[in-house]
C-alpha atoms as a PDB file:
ATOM      1  CA  MET A   1      12.682 -58.113  26.439  1.00  0.00           C
ATOM      2  CA  LYS A   2      15.728 -55.719  26.321  1.00  0.00           C
ATOM      3  CA  ASP A   3      15.397 -52.188  27.472  1.00  0.00           C
ATOM      4  CA  ILE A   4      16.070 -50.766  24.023  1.00  0.00           C
ATOM      5  CA  ASP A   5      12.933 -52.702  22.789  1.00  0.00           C
ATOM      6  CA  LYS A   6      10.906 -51.094  25.486  1.00  0.00           C
ATOM      7  CA  TYR A   7      12.099 -47.675  24.442  1.00  0.00           C
ATOM      8  CA  ARG A   8      11.397 -48.310  20.754  1.00  0.00           C
ATOM      9  CA  GLY A   9       7.984 -49.830  21.668  1.00  0.00           C
ATOM     10  CA  CYS A  10       7.064 -46.775  23.729  1.00  0.00           C
ATOM     11  CA  LEU A  11       8.022 -44.257  21.058  1.00  0.00           C
ATOM     12  CA  ILE A  12       6.831 -46.213  17.981  1.00  0.00           C
ATOM     13  CA  GLY A  13       3.588 -47.531  19.646  1.00  0.00           C
ATOM     14  CA  GLY A  14       2.700 -43.996  20.812  1.00  0.00           C
ATOM     15  CA  ALA A  15       3.402 -42.530  17.387  1.00  0.00           C
ATOM     16  CA  VAL A  16       1.382 -45.231  15.599  1.00  0.00           C
ATOM     17  CA  GLY A  17      -1.568 -44.650  17.955  1.00  0.00           C
ATOM     18  CA  ASP A  18      -1.282 -40.874  17.562  1.00  0.00           C
ATOM     19  CA  ALA A  19      -1.094 -41.043  13.781  1.00  0.00           C
ATOM     20  CA  LEU A  20      -4.272 -43.038  13.680  1.00  0.00           C
ATOM     21  CA  GLY A  21      -6.154 -40.754  16.112  1.00  0.00           C
ATOM     22  CA  TYR A  22      -4.773 -37.494  14.761  1.00  0.00           C
ATOM     23  CA  ALA A  23      -7.291 -37.314  11.969  1.00  0.00           C
ATOM     24  CA  ILE A  24     -10.175 -37.438  14.380  1.00  0.00           C
ATOM     25  CA  GLU A  25      -8.830 -35.634  17.338  1.00  0.00           C
ATOM     26  CA  PHE A  26     -11.229 -32.761  17.046  1.00  0.00           C
ATOM     27  CA  LEU A  27     -14.250 -34.576  15.725  1.00  0.00           C
ATOM     28  CA  ASP A  28     -17.252 -35.705  17.696  1.00  0.00           C
ATOM     29  CA  GLU A  29     -18.582 -39.295  17.488  1.00  0.00           C
ATOM     30  CA  GLU A  30     -21.207 -38.460  15.034  1.00  0.00           C
ATOM     31  CA  SER A  31     -18.786 -36.833  12.698  1.00  0.00           C
ATOM     32  CA  ILE A  32     -16.411 -39.725  12.863  1.00  0.00           C
ATOM     33  CA  PHE A  33     -18.995 -42.183  11.842  1.00  0.00           C
ATOM     34  CA  GLN A  34     -20.340 -39.967   9.073  1.00  0.00           C
ATOM     35  CA  ARG A  35     -16.775 -39.641   7.678  1.00  0.00           C
ATOM     36  CA  TYR A  36     -15.367 -43.132   8.195  1.00  0.00           C
ATOM     37  CA  GLY A  37     -18.446 -45.452   8.435  1.00  0.00           C
ATOM     38  CA  GLU A  38     -19.964 -47.387  11.269  1.00  0.00           C
ATOM     39  CA  LEU A  39     -16.645 -48.825  12.449  1.00  0.00           C
ATOM     40  CA  GLY A  40     -15.086 -45.413  12.743  1.00  0.00           C
ATOM     41  CA  ILE A  41     -11.509 -44.857  11.628  1.00  0.00           C
ATOM     42  CA  THR A  42      -9.725 -48.171  10.956  1.00  0.00           C
ATOM     43  CA  GLU A  43      -6.878 -47.057   8.651  1.00  0.00           C
ATOM     44  CA  TYR A  44      -4.547 -44.078   8.538  1.00  0.00           C
ATOM     45  CA  ASP A  45      -5.996 -40.938   6.949  1.00  0.00           C
ATOM     46  CA  LEU A  46      -2.999 -40.222   4.726  1.00  0.00           C
ATOM     47  CA  VAL A  47      -1.920 -36.861   3.617  1.00  0.00           C
ATOM     48  CA  ASP A  48       0.170 -37.142   0.395  1.00  0.00           C
ATOM     49  CA  GLY A  49       0.713 -40.752   1.276  1.00  0.00           C
ATOM     50  CA  VAL A  50       1.883 -40.172   4.857  1.00  0.00           C
ATOM     51  CA  ALA A  51       0.109 -40.629   8.143  1.00  0.00           C
ATOM     52  CA  GLN A  52       0.310 -37.508  10.163  1.00  0.00           C
ATOM     53  CA  ILE A  53       1.355 -37.282  13.795  1.00  0.00           C
ATOM     54  CA  SER A  54       0.199 -34.564  16.303  1.00  0.00           C
ATOM     55  CA  ASP A  55       2.232 -32.220  18.528  1.00  0.00           C
ATOM     56  CA  ASP A  56       2.032 -34.876  21.222  1.00  0.00           C
ATOM     57  CA  THR A  57       4.261 -37.277  19.261  1.00  0.00           C
ATOM     58  CA  GLN A  58       6.577 -34.416  18.366  1.00  0.00           C
ATOM     59  CA  MET A  59       6.918 -33.425  21.887  1.00  0.00           C
ATOM     60  CA  THR A  60       7.355 -37.047  23.103  1.00  0.00           C
ATOM     61  CA  LEU A  61      10.460 -37.235  20.809  1.00  0.00           C
ATOM     62  CA  PHE A  62      11.792 -33.917  22.287  1.00  0.00           C
ATOM     63  CA  THR A  63      11.224 -35.397  25.794  1.00  0.00           C
ATOM     64  CA  ALA A  64      13.157 -38.446  24.948  1.00  0.00           C
ATOM     65  CA  ASN A  65      15.916 -36.217  23.513  1.00  0.00           C
ATOM     66  CA  ALA A  66      16.041 -34.304  26.772  1.00  0.00           C
ATOM     67  CA  LEU A  67      16.508 -37.530  28.815  1.00  0.00           C
ATOM     68  CA  LEU A  68      19.326 -38.456  26.487  1.00  0.00           C
ATOM     69  CA  LEU A  69      20.900 -35.009  26.691  1.00  0.00           C
ATOM     70  CA  GLY A  70      20.883 -34.991  30.436  1.00  0.00           C
ATOM     71  CA  THR A  71      22.142 -38.521  30.785  1.00  0.00           C
ATOM     72  CA  THR A  72      24.968 -37.974  28.197  1.00  0.00           C
ATOM     73  CA  ARG A  73      26.047 -34.805  29.879  1.00  0.00           C
ATOM     74  CA  GLY A  74      26.254 -36.641  33.192  1.00  0.00           C
ATOM     75  CA  MET A  75      28.088 -39.570  31.841  1.00  0.00           C
ATOM     76  CA  THR A  76      30.581 -37.571  29.655  1.00  0.00           C
ATOM     77  CA  ARG A  77      31.184 -34.545  31.925  1.00  0.00           C
ATOM     78  CA  GLY A  78      30.318 -35.855  35.275  1.00  0.00           C
ATOM     79  CA  ILE A  79      27.763 -33.097  35.864  1.00  0.00           C
ATOM     80  CA  MET A  80      24.165 -32.651  35.035  1.00  0.00           C
ATOM     81  CA  GLY A  81      21.179 -30.625  36.152  1.00  0.00           C
ATOM     82  CA  PRO A  82      17.591 -31.844  36.689  1.00  0.00           C
ATOM     83  CA  TYR A  83      15.938 -33.460  33.669  1.00  0.00           C
ATOM     84  CA  SER A  84      13.278 -30.844  33.767  1.00  0.00           C
ATOM     85  CA  SER A  85      15.866 -28.229  32.818  1.00  0.00           C
ATOM     86  CA  TYR A  86      16.820 -30.257  29.677  1.00  0.00           C
ATOM     87  CA  ALA A  87      13.212 -30.783  28.830  1.00  0.00           C
ATOM     88  CA  GLY A  88      12.689 -27.054  28.952  1.00  0.00           C
ATOM     89  CA  LEU A  89      15.665 -26.448  26.626  1.00  0.00           C
ATOM     90  CA  CYS A  90      14.551 -29.188  24.157  1.00  0.00           C
ATOM     91  CA  TYR A  91      10.944 -27.842  24.232  1.00  0.00           C
ATOM     92  CA  LYS A  92      12.238 -24.487  23.249  1.00  0.00           C
ATOM     93  CA  ASP A  93      13.750 -26.220  20.114  1.00  0.00           C
ATOM     94  CA  TRP A  94      10.368 -27.950  19.612  1.00  0.00           C
ATOM     95  CA  LEU A  95       8.737 -24.449  19.589  1.00  0.00           C
ATOM     96  CA  ARG A  96      11.012 -23.416  16.833  1.00  0.00           C
ATOM     97  CA  THR A  97       9.583 -26.308  14.712  1.00  0.00           C
ATOM     98  CA  GLN A  98       6.152 -24.742  15.240  1.00  0.00           C
ATOM     99  CA  THR A  99       7.031 -21.164  14.572  1.00  0.00           C
ATOM    100  CA  GLU A 100       9.911 -21.170  12.130  1.00  0.00           C
ATOM    101  CA  LYS A 101      10.446 -22.554   8.686  1.00  0.00           C
ATOM    102  CA  TYR A 102      13.022 -25.275   7.889  1.00  0.00           C
ATOM    103  CA  PRO A 103      15.919 -24.868   7.897  1.00  0.00           C
ATOM    104  CA  VAL A 104      16.009 -22.630  10.822  1.00  0.00           C
ATOM    105  CA  ASP A 105      17.903 -19.356  10.643  1.00  0.00           C
ATOM    106  CA  ASN A 106      20.608 -19.979  13.201  1.00  0.00           C
ATOM    107  CA  LYS A 107      21.652 -16.491  14.210  1.00  0.00           C
ATOM    108  CA  ASN A 108      22.391 -18.357  17.469  1.00  0.00           C
ATOM    109  CA  PRO A 109      23.542 -21.679  16.039  1.00  0.00           C
ATOM    110  CA  TYR A 110      23.386 -23.566  19.324  1.00  0.00           C
ATOM    111  CA  THR A 111      20.401 -25.952  19.683  1.00  0.00           C
ATOM    112  CA  TYR A 112      19.814 -28.575  22.306  1.00  0.00           C
ATOM    113  CA  THR A 113      18.484 -31.379  20.072  1.00  0.00           C
ATOM    114  CA  TRP A 114      19.379 -32.897  16.861  1.00  0.00           C
ATOM    115  CA  LEU A 115      15.622 -33.137  16.065  1.00  0.00           C
ATOM    116  CA  ILE A 116      15.784 -29.575  14.902  1.00  0.00           C
ATOM    117  CA  ASN A 117      17.395 -30.893  11.769  1.00  0.00           C
ATOM    118  CA  ILE A 118      14.492 -33.084  10.763  1.00  0.00           C
ATOM    119  CA  PRO A 119      12.355 -31.097   8.273  1.00  0.00           C
ATOM    120  CA  GLU A 120       9.308 -33.345   8.798  1.00  0.00           C
ATOM    121  CA  LEU A 121       8.958 -32.037  12.289  1.00  0.00           C
ATOM    122  CA  PHE A 122       8.469 -28.477  10.977  1.00  0.00           C
ATOM    123  CA  HIS A 123       4.715 -28.787  10.693  1.00  0.00           C
ATOM    124  CA  ARG A 124       2.378 -27.238  13.160  1.00  0.00           C
ATOM    125  CA  ARG A 125       0.154 -30.066  14.501  1.00  0.00           C
ATOM    126  CA  ALA A 126      -2.410 -28.183  16.566  1.00  0.00           C
ATOM    127  CA  PRO A 127      -0.327 -27.586  19.680  1.00  0.00           C
ATOM    128  CA  GLY A 128      -2.344 -26.332  22.650  1.00  0.00           C
ATOM    129  CA  ASN A 129      -2.203 -22.777  23.715  1.00  0.00           C
ATOM    130  CA  THR A 130      -1.274 -23.775  27.263  1.00  0.00           C
ATOM    131  CA  CYS A 131       1.761 -25.566  26.049  1.00  0.00           C
ATOM    132  CA  LEU A 132       2.816 -22.733  23.687  1.00  0.00           C
ATOM    133  CA  SER A 133       2.338 -20.069  26.283  1.00  0.00           C
ATOM    134  CA  ALA A 134       4.291 -22.090  28.926  1.00  0.00           C
ATOM    135  CA  ILE A 135       7.324 -22.563  26.744  1.00  0.00           C
ATOM    136  CA  HIS A 136       7.204 -18.919  25.580  1.00  0.00           C
ATOM    137  CA  ALA A 137       7.135 -17.881  29.247  1.00  0.00           C
ATOM    138  CA  GLY A 138      10.316 -19.924  29.801  1.00  0.00           C
ATOM    139  CA  SER A 139       9.726 -20.524  33.547  1.00  0.00           C
ATOM    140  CA  ASN A 140       9.347 -23.901  35.217  1.00  0.00           C
ATOM    141  CA  GLY A 141       6.350 -24.646  37.269  1.00  0.00           C
ATOM    142  CA  THR A 142       6.259 -27.011  40.137  1.00  0.00           C
ATOM    143  CA  ILE A 143       3.448 -29.035  41.837  1.00  0.00           C
ATOM    144  CA  GLU A 144       3.437 -26.443  44.608  1.00  0.00           C
ATOM    145  CA  LYS A 145       3.505 -23.472  42.226  1.00  0.00           C
ATOM    146  CA  PRO A 146       2.091 -24.425  38.827  1.00  0.00           C
ATOM    147  CA  ILE A 147       2.325 -21.957  35.996  1.00  0.00           C
ATOM    148  CA  ASN A 148      -1.197 -22.802  34.710  1.00  0.00           C
ATOM    149  CA  ASN A 149      -4.161 -24.970  35.536  1.00  0.00           C
ATOM    150  CA  SER A 150      -4.227 -27.003  32.409  1.00  0.00           C
ATOM    151  CA  LYS A 151      -5.773 -30.481  32.565  1.00  0.00           C
ATOM    152  CA  GLY A 152      -5.255 -31.790  29.037  1.00  0.00           C
ATOM    153  CA  CYS A 153      -4.024 -35.276  28.250  1.00  0.00           C
ATOM    154  CA  GLY A 154      -1.025 -34.219  26.133  1.00  0.00           C
ATOM    155  CA  GLY A 155       1.290 -34.051  29.094  1.00  0.00           C
ATOM    156  CA  VAL A 156       0.631 -37.664  29.936  1.00  0.00           C
ATOM    157  CA  MET A 157       1.551 -38.659  26.378  1.00  0.00           C
ATOM    158  CA  ARG A 158       4.706 -36.630  26.051  1.00  0.00           C
ATOM    159  CA  VAL A 159       6.231 -37.876  29.354  1.00  0.00           C
ATOM    160  CA  ALA A 160       5.857 -41.518  28.377  1.00  0.00           C
ATOM    161  CA  PRO A 161       9.692 -41.893  27.883  1.00  0.00           C
ATOM    162  CA  VAL A 162      10.286 -40.670  31.493  1.00  0.00           C
ATOM    163  CA  GLY A 163       8.722 -43.917  32.837  1.00  0.00           C
ATOM    164  CA  LEU A 164      11.285 -46.030  30.970  1.00  0.00           C
END
């Protein structure tokens, strides 16, 4: 298997699973069975004919973009910072997709990711308050000095591209 196939599989597989589970993310087991039957959800719950993704898939795409941004800068300019810095910049672009309307009003036209030009990403998909507040704060935490004590699973999902 070629590396590009692994990258595609990671991003597409994660998005497919997220799109199936997004409709039931905040439902308890009883509510799921009441709504979808004894097998639970087995097909996409379409909205206007489209399966919806959550903020986790959105942020996974912005994470992948951050890795590409850092790598490209390193290869083309011979300098680069830590990937976490690029992730922070790309997550600020993601935050704009959650707080602004498309197209964005670019008083400061510089953005760090081309994803800011995809109108379908400009839908608020239940992002967690921890994530929103951390990006708004604009500071990076470390293992030794975390900026919060969140224990949600979203972080595991959005860093999937890092492993590749």
